[in-house]
């Protein structure tokens, strides 16, 4: 990840890529070890077991985008 790209963006760690924690932190990102992390229009998860939660949140994001075209999801969870 390029320096500053993830500045203050939250994301979940990729299960098989846990060494990315340092990269994310050095890029000013916020490391979250949760099943799914939503930060505005970014949805991330840790591992294949988290795919159901990731899918649920992506569907929610797509539905919100369809309901309000051109407006990014404003919340972070």
PDB file of N, CA and C in Angstrom:
ATOM      1  N   UNK A   1       0.855  -1.173   0.000  1.00  0.00           N
ATOM      2  CA  UNK A   1       0.000   0.000   0.000  1.00  0.00           C
ATOM      3  C   UNK A   1       0.899   1.234   0.000  1.00  0.00           C
ATOM      4  N   UNK A   2       0.609   2.172  -0.845  1.00  0.00           N
ATOM      5  CA  UNK A   2       1.409   3.389  -0.944  1.00  0.00           C
ATOM      6  C   UNK A   2       1.235   4.254   0.303  1.00  0.00           C
ATOM      7  N   UNK A   3       2.307   4.917   0.737  1.00  0.00           N
ATOM      8  CA  UNK A   3       2.217   5.775   1.913  1.00  0.00           C
ATOM      9  C   UNK A   3       1.094   6.806   1.779  1.00  0.00           C
ATOM     10  N   UNK A   4       0.273   6.903   2.814  1.00  0.00           N
ATOM     11  CA  UNK A   4      -0.796   7.883   2.830  1.00  0.00           C
ATOM     12  C   UNK A   4      -2.086   7.428   2.164  1.00  0.00           C
ATOM     13  N   UNK A   5      -2.038   6.347   1.352  1.00  0.00           N
ATOM     14  CA  UNK A   5      -3.233   5.900   0.641  1.00  0.00           C
ATOM     15  C   UNK A   5      -4.351   5.522   1.595  1.00  0.00           C
ATOM     16  N   UNK A   6      -3.993   4.861   2.691  1.00  0.00           N
ATOM     17  CA  UNK A   6      -5.004   4.420   3.635  1.00  0.00           C
ATOM     18  C   UNK A   6      -5.188   5.351   4.804  1.00  0.00           C
ATOM     19  N   UNK A   7      -4.756   6.589   4.664  1.00  0.00           N
ATOM     20  CA  UNK A   7      -4.794   7.536   5.776  1.00  0.00           C
ATOM     21  C   UNK A   7      -6.173   7.587   6.415  1.00  0.00           C
ATOM     22  N   UNK A   8      -6.204   7.200   7.675  1.00  0.00           N
ATOM     23  CA  UNK A   8      -7.413   7.220   8.507  1.00  0.00           C
ATOM     24  C   UNK A   8      -8.544   6.373   7.955  1.00  0.00           C
ATOM     25  N   UNK A   9      -8.256   5.415   7.055  1.00  0.00           N
ATOM     26  CA  UNK A   9      -9.280   4.490   6.557  1.00  0.00           C
ATOM     27  C   UNK A   9      -9.190   3.223   7.385  1.00  0.00           C
ATOM     28  N   UNK A  10     -10.316   2.673   7.762  1.00  0.00           N
ATOM     29  CA  UNK A  10     -10.345   1.448   8.540  1.00  0.00           C
ATOM     30  C   UNK A  10     -10.468   0.270   7.591  1.00  0.00           C
ATOM     31  N   UNK A  11      -9.859  -0.844   7.940  1.00  0.00           N
ATOM     32  CA  UNK A  11      -9.982  -2.047   7.140  1.00  0.00           C
ATOM     33  C   UNK A  11      -9.681  -3.261   8.008  1.00  0.00           C
ATOM     34  N   UNK A  12     -10.201  -4.397   7.596  1.00  0.00           N
ATOM     35  CA  UNK A  12      -9.935  -5.649   8.301  1.00  0.00           C
ATOM     36  C   UNK A  12      -8.696  -6.291   7.696  1.00  0.00           C
ATOM     37  N   UNK A  13      -7.972  -7.058   8.490  1.00  0.00           N
ATOM     38  CA  UNK A  13      -6.777  -7.718   7.962  1.00  0.00           C
ATOM     39  C   UNK A  13      -7.147  -8.909   7.090  1.00  0.00           C
ATOM     40  N   UNK A  14      -6.405  -9.162   6.050  1.00  0.00           N
ATOM     41  CA  UNK A  14      -6.580 -10.357   5.241  1.00  0.00           C
ATOM     42  C   UNK A  14      -5.939 -11.513   5.981  1.00  0.00           C
ATOM     43  N   UNK A  15      -6.662 -12.608   6.181  1.00  0.00           N
ATOM     44  CA  UNK A  15      -6.215 -13.743   6.991  1.00  0.00           C
ATOM     45  C   UNK A  15      -4.828 -14.235   6.603  1.00  0.00           C
ATOM     46  N   UNK A  16      -4.612 -14.506   5.338  1.00  0.00           N
ATOM     47  CA  UNK A  16      -3.339 -15.064   4.907  1.00  0.00           C
ATOM     48  C   UNK A  16      -2.271 -13.999   4.711  1.00  0.00           C
ATOM     49  N   UNK A  17      -2.596 -12.745   4.896  1.00  0.00           N
ATOM     50  CA  UNK A  17      -1.657 -11.659   4.676  1.00  0.00           C
ATOM     51  C   UNK A  17      -1.476 -10.808   5.924  1.00  0.00           C
ATOM     52  N   UNK A  18      -1.416 -11.441   7.074  1.00  0.00           N
ATOM     53  CA  UNK A  18      -1.322 -10.686   8.314  1.00  0.00           C
ATOM     54  C   UNK A  18      -0.081  -9.811   8.383  1.00  0.00           C
ATOM     55  N   UNK A  19       0.910 -10.052   7.554  1.00  0.00           N
ATOM     56  CA  UNK A  19       2.087  -9.203   7.526  1.00  0.00           C
ATOM     57  C   UNK A  19       1.763  -7.825   6.951  1.00  0.00           C
ATOM     58  N   UNK A  20       0.597  -7.667   6.387  1.00  0.00           N
ATOM     59  CA  UNK A  20       0.181  -6.363   5.862  1.00  0.00           C
ATOM     60  C   UNK A  20      -0.161  -5.365   6.967  1.00  0.00           C
ATOM     61  N   UNK A  21      -0.288  -5.832   8.197  1.00  0.00           N
ATOM     62  CA  UNK A  21      -0.623  -4.922   9.294  1.00  0.00           C
ATOM     63  C   UNK A  21       0.357  -3.762   9.346  1.00  0.00           C
ATOM     64  N   UNK A  22       1.637  -4.051   9.253  1.00  0.00           N
ATOM     65  CA  UNK A  22       2.639  -2.980   9.292  1.00  0.00           C
ATOM     66  C   UNK A  22       2.483  -2.050   8.090  1.00  0.00           C
ATOM     67  N   UNK A  23       2.238  -2.618   6.911  1.00  0.00           N
ATOM     68  CA  UNK A  23       2.074  -1.786   5.714  1.00  0.00           C
ATOM     69  C   UNK A  23       0.876  -0.850   5.853  1.00  0.00           C
ATOM     70  N   UNK A  24      -0.227  -1.378   6.341  1.00  0.00           N
ATOM     71  CA  UNK A  24      -1.435  -0.565   6.502  1.00  0.00           C
ATOM     72  C   UNK A  24      -1.197   0.537   7.527  1.00  0.00           C
ATOM     73  N   UNK A  25      -0.580   0.178   8.642  1.00  0.00           N
ATOM     74  CA  UNK A  25      -0.301   1.162   9.683  1.00  0.00           C
ATOM     75  C   UNK A  25       0.664   2.234   9.180  1.00  0.00           C
ATOM     76  N   UNK A  26       1.715   1.812   8.454  1.00  0.00           N
ATOM     77  CA  UNK A  26       2.681   2.781   7.922  1.00  0.00           C
ATOM     78  C   UNK A  26       2.059   3.694   6.865  1.00  0.00           C
ATOM     79  N   UNK A  27       1.002   3.228   6.215  1.00  0.00           N
ATOM     80  CA  UNK A  27       0.310   4.041   5.213  1.00  0.00           C
ATOM     81  C   UNK A  27      -0.765   4.911   5.868  1.00  0.00           C
ATOM     82  N   UNK A  28      -0.693   5.050   7.186  1.00  0.00           N
ATOM     83  CA  UNK A  28      -1.605   5.873   7.978  1.00  0.00           C
ATOM     84  C   UNK A  28      -3.008   5.278   8.043  1.00  0.00           C
ATOM     85  N   UNK A  29      -3.129   3.973   7.820  1.00  0.00           N
ATOM     86  CA  UNK A  29      -4.419   3.298   7.945  1.00  0.00           C
ATOM     87  C   UNK A  29      -4.666   2.876   9.379  1.00  0.00           C
ATOM     88  N   UNK A  30      -5.862   2.437   9.652  1.00  0.00           N
ATOM     89  CA  UNK A  30      -6.253   1.968  10.982  1.00  0.00           C
ATOM     90  C   UNK A  30      -6.515   0.468  10.870  1.00  0.00           C
ATOM     91  N   UNK A  31      -5.769  -0.341  11.598  1.00  0.00           N
ATOM     92  CA  UNK A  31      -5.866  -1.792  11.547  1.00  0.00           C
ATOM     93  C   UNK A  31      -7.018  -2.255  12.426  1.00  0.00           C
ATOM     94  N   UNK A  32      -7.971  -2.993  11.859  1.00  0.00           N
ATOM     95  CA  UNK A  32      -9.127  -3.507  12.593  1.00  0.00           C
ATOM     96  C   UNK A  32      -9.174  -5.022  12.436  1.00  0.00           C
ATOM     97  N   UNK A  33      -9.154  -5.763  13.515  1.00  0.00           N
ATOM     98  CA  UNK A  33      -9.236  -7.218  13.461  1.00  0.00           C
ATOM     99  C   UNK A  33     -10.664  -7.646  13.772  1.00  0.00           C
ATOM    100  N   UNK A  34     -11.546  -7.450  12.779  1.00  0.00           N
ATOM    101  CA  UNK A  34     -12.966  -7.801  12.915  1.00  0.00           C
ATOM    102  C   UNK A  34     -13.411  -8.541  11.665  1.00  0.00           C
ATOM    103  N   UNK A  35     -14.519  -9.244  11.758  1.00  0.00           N
ATOM    104  CA  UNK A  35     -15.069 -10.032  10.647  1.00  0.00           C
ATOM    105  C   UNK A  35     -15.290  -9.197   9.391  1.00  0.00           C
ATOM    106  N   UNK A  36     -15.797  -7.999   9.571  1.00  0.00           N
ATOM    107  CA  UNK A  36     -15.990  -7.090   8.443  1.00  0.00           C
ATOM    108  C   UNK A  36     -15.853  -5.657   8.953  1.00  0.00           C
ATOM    109  N   UNK A  37     -15.223  -4.819   8.143  1.00  0.00           N
ATOM    110  CA  UNK A  37     -15.045  -3.412   8.499  1.00  0.00           C
ATOM    111  C   UNK A  37     -15.584  -2.577   7.353  1.00  0.00           C
ATOM    112  N   UNK A  38     -16.434  -1.608   7.685  1.00  0.00           N
ATOM    113  CA  UNK A  38     -17.012  -0.703   6.689  1.00  0.00           C
ATOM    114  C   UNK A  38     -16.503   0.698   6.984  1.00  0.00           C
ATOM    115  N   UNK A  39     -15.932   1.318   5.980  1.00  0.00           N
ATOM    116  CA  UNK A  39     -15.454   2.698   6.103  1.00  0.00           C
ATOM    117  C   UNK A  39     -15.890   3.425   4.839  1.00  0.00           C
ATOM    118  N   UNK A  40     -16.952   4.182   4.978  1.00  0.00           N
ATOM    119  CA  UNK A  40     -17.565   4.857   3.837  1.00  0.00           C
ATOM    120  C   UNK A  40     -17.847   3.854   2.727  1.00  0.00           C
ATOM    121  N   UNK A  41     -17.169   3.936   1.601  1.00  0.00           N
ATOM    122  CA  UNK A  41     -17.457   3.015   0.495  1.00  0.00           C
ATOM    123  C   UNK A  41     -16.438   1.875   0.404  1.00  0.00           C
ATOM    124  N   UNK A  42     -15.673   1.635   1.458  1.00  0.00           N
ATOM    125  CA  UNK A  42     -14.747   0.504   1.511  1.00  0.00           C
ATOM    126  C   UNK A  42     -15.322  -0.561   2.436  1.00  0.00           C
ATOM    127  N   UNK A  43     -15.348  -1.808   1.967  1.00  0.00           N
ATOM    128  CA  UNK A  43     -15.763  -2.934   2.789  1.00  0.00           C
ATOM    129  C   UNK A  43     -14.633  -3.955   2.716  1.00  0.00           C
ATOM    130  N   UNK A  44     -14.104  -4.361   3.871  1.00  0.00           N
ATOM    131  CA  UNK A  44     -13.015  -5.333   3.900  1.00  0.00           C
ATOM    132  C   UNK A  44     -13.309  -6.407   4.931  1.00  0.00           C
ATOM    133  N   UNK A  45     -12.686  -7.561   4.749  1.00  0.00           N
ATOM    134  CA  UNK A  45     -12.823  -8.662   5.697  1.00  0.00           C
ATOM    135  C   UNK A  45     -11.479  -9.367   5.831  1.00  0.00           C
ATOM    136  N   UNK A  46     -11.387 -10.295   6.801  1.00  0.00           N
ATOM    137  CA  UNK A  46     -10.114 -10.922   7.127  1.00  0.00           C
ATOM    138  C   UNK A  46      -9.816 -12.195   6.372  1.00  0.00           C
ATOM    139  N   UNK A  47     -10.810 -13.051   6.216  1.00  0.00           N
ATOM    140  CA  UNK A  47     -10.549 -14.402   5.722  1.00  0.00           C
ATOM    141  C   UNK A  47     -11.794 -14.977   5.051  1.00  0.00           C
ATOM    142  N   UNK A  48     -11.656 -16.113   4.376  1.00  0.00           N
ATOM    143  CA  UNK A  48     -12.811 -16.709   3.688  1.00  0.00           C
ATOM    144  C   UNK A  48     -14.017 -16.967   4.593  1.00  0.00           C
ATOM    145  N   UNK A  49     -13.784 -17.309   5.849  1.00  0.00           N
ATOM    146  CA  UNK A  49     -14.919 -17.533   6.766  1.00  0.00           C
ATOM    147  C   UNK A  49     -15.761 -16.278   6.964  1.00  0.00           C
ATOM    148  N   UNK A  50     -15.195 -15.121   6.668  1.00  0.00           N
ATOM    149  CA  UNK A  50     -15.900 -13.852   6.840  1.00  0.00           C
ATOM    150  C   UNK A  50     -16.704 -13.445   5.600  1.00  0.00           C
ATOM    151  N   UNK A  51     -16.656 -14.248   4.551  1.00  0.00           N
ATOM    152  CA  UNK A  51     -17.329 -13.881   3.299  1.00  0.00           C
ATOM    153  C   UNK A  51     -18.833 -13.627   3.473  1.00  0.00           C
ATOM    154  N   UNK A  52     -19.573 -14.416   4.263  1.00  0.00           N
ATOM    155  CA  UNK A  52     -21.000 -14.099   4.430  1.00  0.00           C
ATOM    156  C   UNK A  52     -21.241 -12.679   4.972  1.00  0.00           C
ATOM    157  N   UNK A  53     -20.452 -12.260   5.950  1.00  0.00           N
ATOM    158  CA  UNK A  53     -20.600 -10.906   6.497  1.00  0.00           C
ATOM    159  C   UNK A  53     -20.177  -9.868   5.461  1.00  0.00           C
ATOM    160  N   UNK A  54     -19.090 -10.143   4.736  1.00  0.00           N
ATOM    161  CA  UNK A  54     -18.626  -9.239   3.681  1.00  0.00           C
ATOM    162  C   UNK A  54     -19.708  -9.098   2.618  1.00  0.00           C
ATOM    163  N   UNK A  55     -20.289 -10.211   2.184  1.00  0.00           N
ATOM    164  CA  UNK A  55     -21.343 -10.198   1.167  1.00  0.00           C
ATOM    165  C   UNK A  55     -22.556  -9.400   1.639  1.00  0.00           C
ATOM    166  N   UNK A  56     -22.960  -9.612   2.885  1.00  0.00           N
ATOM    167  CA  UNK A  56     -24.107  -8.882   3.449  1.00  0.00           C
ATOM    168  C   UNK A  56     -23.864  -7.374   3.396  1.00  0.00           C
ATOM    169  N   UNK A  57     -22.679  -6.941   3.819  1.00  0.00           N
ATOM    170  CA  UNK A  57     -22.381  -5.509   3.843  1.00  0.00           C
ATOM    171  C   UNK A  57     -22.229  -4.928   2.433  1.00  0.00           C
ATOM    172  N   UNK A  58     -21.677  -5.703   1.504  1.00  0.00           N
ATOM    173  CA  UNK A  58     -21.573  -5.224   0.121  1.00  0.00           C
ATOM    174  C   UNK A  58     -22.961  -5.034  -0.478  1.00  0.00           C
ATOM    175  N   UNK A  59     -23.867  -5.981  -0.219  1.00  0.00           N
ATOM    176  CA  UNK A  59     -25.241  -5.853  -0.724  1.00  0.00           C
ATOM    177  C   UNK A  59     -25.915  -4.603  -0.153  1.00  0.00           C
ATOM    178  N   UNK A  60     -25.674  -4.347   1.128  1.00  0.00           N
ATOM    179  CA  UNK A  60     -26.219  -3.142   1.754  1.00  0.00           C
ATOM    180  C   UNK A  60     -25.657  -1.896   1.090  1.00  0.00           C
ATOM    181  N   UNK A  61     -24.348  -1.884   0.857  1.00  0.00           N
ATOM    182  CA  UNK A  61     -23.703  -0.743   0.207  1.00  0.00           C
ATOM    183  C   UNK A  61     -24.259  -0.520  -1.198  1.00  0.00           C
ATOM    184  N   UNK A  62     -24.413  -1.613  -1.965  1.00  0.00           N
ATOM    185  CA  UNK A  62     -24.957  -1.499  -3.323  1.00  0.00           C
ATOM    186  C   UNK A  62     -26.397  -0.981  -3.295  1.00  0.00           C
ATOM    187  N   UNK A  63     -27.188  -1.457  -2.337  1.00  0.00           N
ATOM    188  CA  UNK A  63     -28.579  -0.999  -2.232  1.00  0.00           C
ATOM    189  C   UNK A  63     -28.637   0.483  -1.896  1.00  0.00           C
ATOM    190  N   UNK A  64     -27.755   0.922  -1.008  1.00  0.00           N
ATOM    191  CA  UNK A  64     -27.713   2.347  -0.655  1.00  0.00           C
ATOM    192  C   UNK A  64     -27.274   3.187  -1.847  1.00  0.00           C
ATOM    193  N   UNK A  65     -26.321   2.688  -2.600  1.00  0.00           N
ATOM    194  CA  UNK A  65     -25.833   3.420  -3.775  1.00  0.00           C
ATOM    195  C   UNK A  65     -26.943   3.523  -4.816  1.00  0.00           C
ATOM    196  N   UNK A  66     -27.721   2.479  -4.980  1.00  0.00           N
ATOM    197  CA  UNK A  66     -28.821   2.493  -5.938  1.00  0.00           C
ATOM    198  C   UNK A  66     -29.898   3.484  -5.496  1.00  0.00           C
ATOM    199  N   UNK A  67     -30.126   3.569  -4.178  1.00  0.00           N
ATOM    200  CA  UNK A  67     -31.160   4.459  -3.648  1.00  0.00           C
ATOM    201  C   UNK A  67     -30.735   5.920  -3.694  1.00  0.00           C
ATOM    202  N   UNK A  68     -29.439   6.178  -3.580  1.00  0.00           N
ATOM    203  CA  UNK A  68     -28.924   7.545  -3.584  1.00  0.00           C
ATOM    204  C   UNK A  68     -27.728   7.645  -4.529  1.00  0.00           C
ATOM    205  N   UNK A  69     -27.966   7.652  -5.854  1.00  0.00           N
ATOM    206  CA  UNK A  69     -26.858   7.685  -6.815  1.00  0.00           C
ATOM    207  C   UNK A  69     -25.927   8.880  -6.579  1.00  0.00           C
ATOM    208  N   UNK A  70     -24.624   8.624  -6.705  1.00  0.00           N
ATOM    209  CA  UNK A  70     -23.634   9.685  -6.582  1.00  0.00           C
ATOM    210  C   UNK A  70     -23.248  10.038  -5.170  1.00  0.00           C
ATOM    211  N   UNK A  71     -23.842   9.388  -4.184  1.00  0.00           N
ATOM    212  CA  UNK A  71     -23.531   9.703  -2.790  1.00  0.00           C
ATOM    213  C   UNK A  71     -22.869   8.505  -2.142  1.00  0.00           C
ATOM    214  N   UNK A  72     -21.647   8.674  -1.641  1.00  0.00           N
ATOM    215  CA  UNK A  72     -20.930   7.595  -0.970  1.00  0.00           C
ATOM    216  C   UNK A  72     -21.495   7.391   0.425  1.00  0.00           C
ATOM    217  N   UNK A  73     -21.378   6.196   0.915  1.00  0.00           N
ATOM    218  CA  UNK A  73     -21.814   5.877   2.275  1.00  0.00           C
ATOM    219  C   UNK A  73     -21.004   6.722   3.244  1.00  0.00           C
ATOM    220  N   UNK A  74     -21.670   7.455   4.085  1.00  0.00           N
ATOM    221  CA  UNK A  74     -21.000   8.432   4.940  1.00  0.00           C
ATOM    222  C   UNK A  74     -20.540   7.870   6.275  1.00  0.00           C
ATOM    223  N   UNK A  75     -20.998   6.695   6.643  1.00  0.00           N
ATOM    224  CA  UNK A  75     -20.680   6.196   7.983  1.00  0.00           C
ATOM    225  C   UNK A  75     -19.498   5.250   7.971  1.00  0.00           C
ATOM    226  N   UNK A  76     -18.963   5.037   9.142  1.00  0.00           N
ATOM    227  CA  UNK A  76     -17.890   4.080   9.357  1.00  0.00           C
ATOM    228  C   UNK A  76     -18.336   3.176  10.496  1.00  0.00           C
ATOM    229  N   UNK A  77     -18.259   1.852  10.266  1.00  0.00           N
ATOM    230  CA  UNK A  77     -18.633   0.893  11.315  1.00  0.00           C
ATOM    231  C   UNK A  77     -17.541  -0.116  11.463  1.00  0.00           C
TER     232      UNK A  77
END
